[in-house]
PDB file of all heavy atoms in Angstrom:
ATOM      1  N   GLN A   1       1.181  13.973  14.445  1.00  0.00           N
ATOM      2  CA  GLN A   1       0.201  14.466  15.397  1.00  0.00           C
ATOM      3  C   GLN A   1      -1.209  14.230  14.881  1.00  0.00           C
ATOM      4  O   GLN A   1      -1.425  14.111  13.670  1.00  0.00           O
ATOM      5  CB  GLN A   1       0.414  15.955  15.655  1.00  0.00           C
ATOM      6  CG  GLN A   1       1.721  16.282  16.344  1.00  0.00           C
ATOM      7  CD  GLN A   1       1.855  17.751  16.662  1.00  0.00           C
ATOM      8  OE1 GLN A   1       0.993  18.557  16.308  1.00  0.00           O
ATOM      9  NE2 GLN A   1       2.926  18.114  17.340  1.00  0.00           N
ATOM     10  N   PRO A   2      -2.180  14.144  15.784  1.00  0.00           N
ATOM     11  CA  PRO A   2      -3.561  14.043  15.327  1.00  0.00           C
ATOM     12  C   PRO A   2      -3.905  15.170  14.367  1.00  0.00           C
ATOM     13  O   PRO A   2      -3.536  16.325  14.581  1.00  0.00           O
ATOM     14  CB  PRO A   2      -4.367  14.142  16.619  1.00  0.00           C
ATOM     15  CG  PRO A   2      -3.437  13.631  17.670  1.00  0.00           C
ATOM     16  CD  PRO A   2      -2.071  14.091  17.250  1.00  0.00           C
ATOM     17  N   GLY A   3      -4.606  14.821  13.316  1.00  0.00           N
ATOM     18  CA  GLY A   3      -4.936  15.778  12.280  1.00  0.00           C
ATOM     19  C   GLY A   3      -3.921  15.857  11.163  1.00  0.00           C
ATOM     20  O   GLY A   3      -4.191  16.489  10.131  1.00  0.00           O
ATOM     21  N   GLY A   4      -2.783  15.223  11.342  1.00  0.00           N
ATOM     22  CA  GLY A   4      -1.741  15.245  10.337  1.00  0.00           C
ATOM     23  C   GLY A   4      -1.969  14.242   9.233  1.00  0.00           C
ATOM     24  O   GLY A   4      -2.983  13.538   9.193  1.00  0.00           O
ATOM     25  N   SER A   5      -0.985  14.166   8.338  1.00  0.00           N
ATOM     26  CA  SER A   5      -1.091  13.314   7.162  1.00  0.00           C
ATOM     27  C   SER A   5       0.176  12.514   6.953  1.00  0.00           C
ATOM     28  O   SER A   5       1.269  12.933   7.321  1.00  0.00           O
ATOM     29  CB  SER A   5      -1.344  14.156   5.902  1.00  0.00           C
ATOM     30  OG  SER A   5      -2.569  14.854   5.976  1.00  0.00           O
ATOM     31  N   LEU A   6       0.011  11.360   6.351  1.00  0.00           N
ATOM     32  CA  LEU A   6       1.106  10.526   5.894  1.00  0.00           C
ATOM     33  C   LEU A   6       0.702   9.877   4.588  1.00  0.00           C
ATOM     34  O   LEU A   6      -0.476   9.648   4.352  1.00  0.00           O
ATOM     35  CB  LEU A   6       1.446   9.419   6.895  1.00  0.00           C
ATOM     36  CG  LEU A   6       2.206   9.759   8.162  1.00  0.00           C
ATOM     37  CD1 LEU A   6       2.276   8.519   9.051  1.00  0.00           C
ATOM     38  CD2 LEU A   6       3.604  10.255   7.840  1.00  0.00           C
ATOM     39  N   ARG A   7       1.687   9.560   3.774  1.00  0.00           N
ATOM     40  CA  ARG A   7       1.445   8.772   2.581  1.00  0.00           C
ATOM     41  C   ARG A   7       2.308   7.528   2.623  1.00  0.00           C
ATOM     42  O   ARG A   7       3.536   7.618   2.665  1.00  0.00           O
ATOM     43  CB  ARG A   7       1.733   9.550   1.297  1.00  0.00           C
ATOM     44  CG  ARG A   7       1.241   8.799   0.051  1.00  0.00           C
ATOM     45  CD  ARG A   7       1.489   9.539  -1.239  1.00  0.00           C
ATOM     46  NE  ARG A   7       2.876   9.455  -1.658  1.00  0.00           N
ATOM     47  CZ  ARG A   7       3.289   9.524  -2.927  1.00  0.00           C
ATOM     48  NH1 ARG A   7       2.394   9.680  -3.898  1.00  0.00           N
ATOM     49  NH2 ARG A   7       4.569   9.454  -3.211  1.00  0.00           N
ATOM     50  N   LEU A   8       1.658   6.383   2.617  1.00  0.00           N
ATOM     51  CA  LEU A   8       2.342   5.112   2.571  1.00  0.00           C
ATOM     52  C   LEU A   8       2.484   4.650   1.132  1.00  0.00           C
ATOM     53  O   LEU A   8       1.637   4.938   0.289  1.00  0.00           O
ATOM     54  CB  LEU A   8       1.582   4.048   3.359  1.00  0.00           C
ATOM     55  CG  LEU A   8       1.222   4.371   4.808  1.00  0.00           C
ATOM     56  CD1 LEU A   8       0.542   3.170   5.451  1.00  0.00           C
ATOM     57  CD2 LEU A   8       2.452   4.789   5.599  1.00  0.00           C
ATOM     58  N   ALA A   9       3.546   3.922   0.867  1.00  0.00           N
ATOM     59  CA  ALA A   9       3.760   3.336  -0.443  1.00  0.00           C
ATOM     60  C   ALA A   9       4.149   1.881  -0.278  1.00  0.00           C
ATOM     61  O   ALA A   9       4.792   1.496   0.703  1.00  0.00           O
ATOM     62  CB  ALA A   9       4.849   4.089  -1.208  1.00  0.00           C
ATOM     63  N   CYS A  10       3.756   1.078  -1.227  1.00  0.00           N
ATOM     64  CA  CYS A  10       4.106  -0.338  -1.259  1.00  0.00           C
ATOM     65  C   CYS A  10       4.578  -0.664  -2.653  1.00  0.00           C
ATOM     66  O   CYS A  10       3.791  -0.600  -3.611  1.00  0.00           O
ATOM     67  CB  CYS A  10       2.907  -1.197  -0.867  1.00  0.00           C
ATOM     68  SG  CYS A  10       3.139  -2.969  -1.128  1.00  0.00           S
ATOM     69  N   ALA A  11       5.845  -0.994  -2.767  1.00  0.00           N
ATOM     70  CA  ALA A  11       6.439  -1.353  -4.049  1.00  0.00           C
ATOM     71  C   ALA A  11       6.485  -2.868  -4.176  1.00  0.00           C
ATOM     72  O   ALA A  11       7.035  -3.557  -3.313  1.00  0.00           O
ATOM     73  CB  ALA A  11       7.836  -0.765  -4.161  1.00  0.00           C
ATOM     74  N   ALA A  12       5.907  -3.375  -5.246  1.00  0.00           N
ATOM     75  CA  ALA A  12       5.817  -4.810  -5.466  1.00  0.00           C
ATOM     76  C   ALA A  12       6.800  -5.259  -6.535  1.00  0.00           C
ATOM     77  O   ALA A  12       7.049  -4.550  -7.517  1.00  0.00           O
ATOM     78  CB  ALA A  12       4.399  -5.203  -5.875  1.00  0.00           C
ATOM     79  N   SER A  13       7.335  -6.446  -6.353  1.00  0.00           N
ATOM     80  CA  SER A  13       8.174  -7.067  -7.360  1.00  0.00           C
ATOM     81  C   SER A  13       7.936  -8.568  -7.344  1.00  0.00           C
ATOM     82  O   SER A  13       7.484  -9.130  -6.340  1.00  0.00           O
ATOM     83  CB  SER A  13       9.658  -6.756  -7.125  1.00  0.00           C
ATOM     84  OG  SER A  13      10.087  -7.251  -5.866  1.00  0.00           O
ATOM     85  N   GLY A  14       8.216  -9.212  -8.456  1.00  0.00           N
ATOM     86  CA  GLY A  14       8.050 -10.650  -8.545  1.00  0.00           C
ATOM     87  C   GLY A  14       6.647 -11.114  -8.882  1.00  0.00           C
ATOM     88  O   GLY A  14       6.389 -12.328  -8.887  1.00  0.00           O
ATOM     89  N   ILE A  15       5.744 -10.185  -9.145  1.00  0.00           N
ATOM     90  CA  ILE A  15       4.389 -10.522  -9.540  1.00  0.00           C
ATOM     91  C   ILE A  15       4.004  -9.687 -10.752  1.00  0.00           C
ATOM     92  O   ILE A  15       4.625  -8.655 -11.025  1.00  0.00           O
ATOM     93  CB  ILE A  15       3.356 -10.298  -8.416  1.00  0.00           C
ATOM     94  CG1 ILE A  15       3.311  -8.823  -8.003  1.00  0.00           C
ATOM     95  CG2 ILE A  15       3.635 -11.203  -7.230  1.00  0.00           C
ATOM     96  CD1 ILE A  15       2.173  -8.474  -7.061  1.00  0.00           C
ATOM     97  N   VAL A  16       2.987 -10.156 -11.464  1.00  0.00           N
ATOM     98  CA  VAL A  16       2.384  -9.335 -12.502  1.00  0.00           C
ATOM     99  C   VAL A  16       1.414  -8.410 -11.783  1.00  0.00           C
ATOM    100  O   VAL A  16       0.283  -8.774 -11.475  1.00  0.00           O
ATOM    101  CB  VAL A  16       1.679 -10.186 -13.561  1.00  0.00           C
ATOM    102  CG1 VAL A  16       1.067  -9.292 -14.636  1.00  0.00           C
ATOM    103  CG2 VAL A  16       2.649 -11.185 -14.188  1.00  0.00           C
ATOM    104  N   PHE A  17       1.885  -7.219 -11.497  1.00  0.00           N
ATOM    105  CA  PHE A  17       1.187  -6.305 -10.605  1.00  0.00           C
ATOM    106  C   PHE A  17      -0.234  -6.022 -11.066  1.00  0.00           C
ATOM    107  O   PHE A  17      -1.163  -5.964 -10.246  1.00  0.00           O
ATOM    108  CB  PHE A  17       1.993  -5.006 -10.491  1.00  0.00           C
ATOM    109  CG  PHE A  17       1.447  -4.013  -9.513  1.00  0.00           C
ATOM    110  CD1 PHE A  17       1.639  -4.179  -8.156  1.00  0.00           C
ATOM    111  CD2 PHE A  17       0.747  -2.897  -9.957  1.00  0.00           C
ATOM    112  CE1 PHE A  17       1.142  -3.254  -7.253  1.00  0.00           C
ATOM    113  CE2 PHE A  17       0.251  -1.969  -9.068  1.00  0.00           C
ATOM    114  CZ  PHE A  17       0.449  -2.152  -7.703  1.00  0.00           C
ATOM    115  N   SER A  18      -0.413  -5.859 -12.365  1.00  0.00           N
ATOM    116  CA  SER A  18      -1.730  -5.512 -12.885  1.00  0.00           C
ATOM    117  C   SER A  18      -2.750  -6.625 -12.693  1.00  0.00           C
ATOM    118  O   SER A  18      -3.951  -6.383 -12.835  1.00  0.00           O
ATOM    119  CB  SER A  18      -1.633  -5.143 -14.366  1.00  0.00           C
ATOM    120  OG  SER A  18      -1.157  -6.236 -15.132  1.00  0.00           O
ATOM    121  N   GLY A  19      -2.302  -7.829 -12.375  1.00  0.00           N
ATOM    122  CA  GLY A  19      -3.207  -8.939 -12.165  1.00  0.00           C
ATOM    123  C   GLY A  19      -3.707  -9.088 -10.738  1.00  0.00           C
ATOM    124  O   GLY A  19      -4.454 -10.027 -10.450  1.00  0.00           O
ATOM    125  N   TYR A  20      -3.308  -8.179  -9.864  1.00  0.00           N
ATOM    126  CA  TYR A  20      -3.617  -8.300  -8.450  1.00  0.00           C
ATOM    127  C   TYR A  20      -4.462  -7.153  -7.930  1.00  0.00           C
ATOM    128  O   TYR A  20      -4.219  -5.990  -8.274  1.00  0.00           O
ATOM    129  CB  TYR A  20      -2.323  -8.340  -7.626  1.00  0.00           C
ATOM    130  CG  TYR A  20      -1.605  -9.659  -7.700  1.00  0.00           C
ATOM    131  CD1 TYR A  20      -0.809  -9.974  -8.797  1.00  0.00           C
ATOM    132  CD2 TYR A  20      -1.725 -10.586  -6.671  1.00  0.00           C
ATOM    133  CE1 TYR A  20      -0.158 -11.193  -8.868  1.00  0.00           C
ATOM    134  CE2 TYR A  20      -1.070 -11.798  -6.738  1.00  0.00           C
ATOM    135  CZ  TYR A  20      -0.291 -12.099  -7.832  1.00  0.00           C
ATOM    136  OH  TYR A  20       0.360 -13.311  -7.900  1.00  0.00           O
ATOM    137  N   THR A  21      -5.444  -7.517  -7.125  1.00  0.00           N
ATOM    138  CA  THR A  21      -6.059  -6.529  -6.263  1.00  0.00           C
ATOM    139  C   THR A  21      -5.074  -6.222  -5.138  1.00  0.00           C
ATOM    140  O   THR A  21      -4.513  -7.136  -4.534  1.00  0.00           O
ATOM    141  CB  THR A  21      -7.380  -7.040  -5.679  1.00  0.00           C
ATOM    142  OG1 THR A  21      -8.337  -7.166  -6.733  1.00  0.00           O
ATOM    143  CG2 THR A  21      -7.929  -6.086  -4.635  1.00  0.00           C
ATOM    144  N   MET A  22      -4.857  -4.957  -4.879  1.00  0.00           N
ATOM    145  CA  MET A  22      -3.946  -4.540  -3.825  1.00  0.00           C
ATOM    146  C   MET A  22      -4.732  -3.996  -2.646  1.00  0.00           C
ATOM    147  O   MET A  22      -5.803  -3.420  -2.808  1.00  0.00           O
ATOM    148  CB  MET A  22      -2.980  -3.476  -4.339  1.00  0.00           C
ATOM    149  CG  MET A  22      -2.139  -3.916  -5.525  1.00  0.00           C
ATOM    150  SD  MET A  22      -1.088  -5.348  -5.152  1.00  0.00           S
ATOM    151  CE  MET A  22      -0.036  -4.657  -3.859  1.00  0.00           C
ATOM    152  N   GLY A  23      -4.172  -4.190  -1.470  1.00  0.00           N
ATOM    153  CA  GLY A  23      -4.862  -3.728  -0.286  1.00  0.00           C
ATOM    154  C   GLY A  23      -3.923  -3.289   0.812  1.00  0.00           C
ATOM    155  O   GLY A  23      -2.736  -3.636   0.812  1.00  0.00           O
ATOM    156  N   TRP A  24      -4.477  -2.499   1.711  1.00  0.00           N
ATOM    157  CA  TRP A  24      -3.800  -2.114   2.935  1.00  0.00           C
ATOM    158  C   TRP A  24      -4.584  -2.647   4.123  1.00  0.00           C
ATOM    159  O   TRP A  24      -5.806  -2.490   4.188  1.00  0.00           O
ATOM    160  CB  TRP A  24      -3.674  -0.594   3.055  1.00  0.00           C
ATOM    161  CG  TRP A  24      -2.694   0.010   2.102  1.00  0.00           C
ATOM    162  CD1 TRP A  24      -2.959   0.576   0.893  1.00  0.00           C
ATOM    163  CD2 TRP A  24      -1.281   0.116   2.293  1.00  0.00           C
ATOM    164  NE1 TRP A  24      -1.801   1.029   0.313  1.00  0.00           N
ATOM    165  CE2 TRP A  24      -0.756   0.759   1.153  1.00  0.00           C
ATOM    166  CE3 TRP A  24      -0.414  -0.264   3.320  1.00  0.00           C
ATOM    167  CZ2 TRP A  24       0.603   1.029   1.008  1.00  0.00           C
ATOM    168  CZ3 TRP A  24       0.933  -0.003   3.170  1.00  0.00           C
ATOM    169  CH2 TRP A  24       1.425   0.638   2.031  1.00  0.00           C
ATOM    170  N   TYR A  25      -3.878  -3.274   5.026  1.00  0.00           N
ATOM    171  CA  TYR A  25      -4.420  -3.739   6.289  1.00  0.00           C
ATOM    172  C   TYR A  25      -3.648  -3.084   7.420  1.00  0.00           C
ATOM    173  O   TYR A  25      -2.544  -2.567   7.218  1.00  0.00           O
ATOM    174  CB  TYR A  25      -4.299  -5.262   6.417  1.00  0.00           C
ATOM    175  CG  TYR A  25      -5.247  -6.048   5.544  1.00  0.00           C
ATOM    176  CD1 TYR A  25      -5.109  -6.067   4.162  1.00  0.00           C
ATOM    177  CD2 TYR A  25      -6.279  -6.801   6.113  1.00  0.00           C
ATOM    178  CE1 TYR A  25      -5.971  -6.801   3.363  1.00  0.00           C
ATOM    179  CE2 TYR A  25      -7.140  -7.541   5.321  1.00  0.00           C
ATOM    180  CZ  TYR A  25      -6.980  -7.537   3.956  1.00  0.00           C
ATOM    181  OH  TYR A  25      -7.834  -8.281   3.167  1.00  0.00           O
ATOM    182  N   ARG A  26      -4.214  -3.126   8.604  1.00  0.00           N
ATOM    183  CA  ARG A  26      -3.492  -2.602   9.755  1.00  0.00           C
ATOM    184  C   ARG A  26      -3.765  -3.457  10.977  1.00  0.00           C
ATOM    185  O   ARG A  26      -4.801  -4.110  11.089  1.00  0.00           O
ATOM    186  CB  ARG A  26      -3.859  -1.143  10.036  1.00  0.00           C
ATOM    187  CG  ARG A  26      -5.299  -0.916  10.456  1.00  0.00           C
ATOM    188  CD  ARG A  26      -5.593   0.576  10.547  1.00  0.00           C
ATOM    189  NE  ARG A  26      -6.960   0.842  10.967  1.00  0.00           N
ATOM    190  CZ  ARG A  26      -7.507   2.043  10.999  1.00  0.00           C
ATOM    191  NH1 ARG A  26      -6.790   3.105  10.632  1.00  0.00           N
ATOM    192  NH2 ARG A  26      -8.762   2.192  11.394  1.00  0.00           N
ATOM    193  N   GLN A  27      -2.814  -3.443  11.891  1.00  0.00           N
ATOM    194  CA  GLN A  27      -2.936  -4.210  13.115  1.00  0.00           C
ATOM    195  C   GLN A  27      -2.340  -3.422  14.274  1.00  0.00           C
ATOM    196  O   GLN A  27      -1.162  -3.067  14.247  1.00  0.00           O
ATOM    197  CB  GLN A  27      -2.241  -5.561  12.987  1.00  0.00           C
ATOM    198  CG  GLN A  27      -2.480  -6.486  14.166  1.00  0.00           C
ATOM    199  CD  GLN A  27      -2.037  -7.906  13.883  1.00  0.00           C
ATOM    200  OE1 GLN A  27      -1.168  -8.142  13.040  1.00  0.00           O
ATOM    201  NE2 GLN A  27      -2.634  -8.854  14.576  1.00  0.00           N
TER     202      GLN A  27
END
């Protein structure tokens, strides 16, 4: 509902995670 909260997570594999800028996009 409006005013509510969610937490999204993105688990990465196959990359050296610390070497990447991470981002969230939406469409």
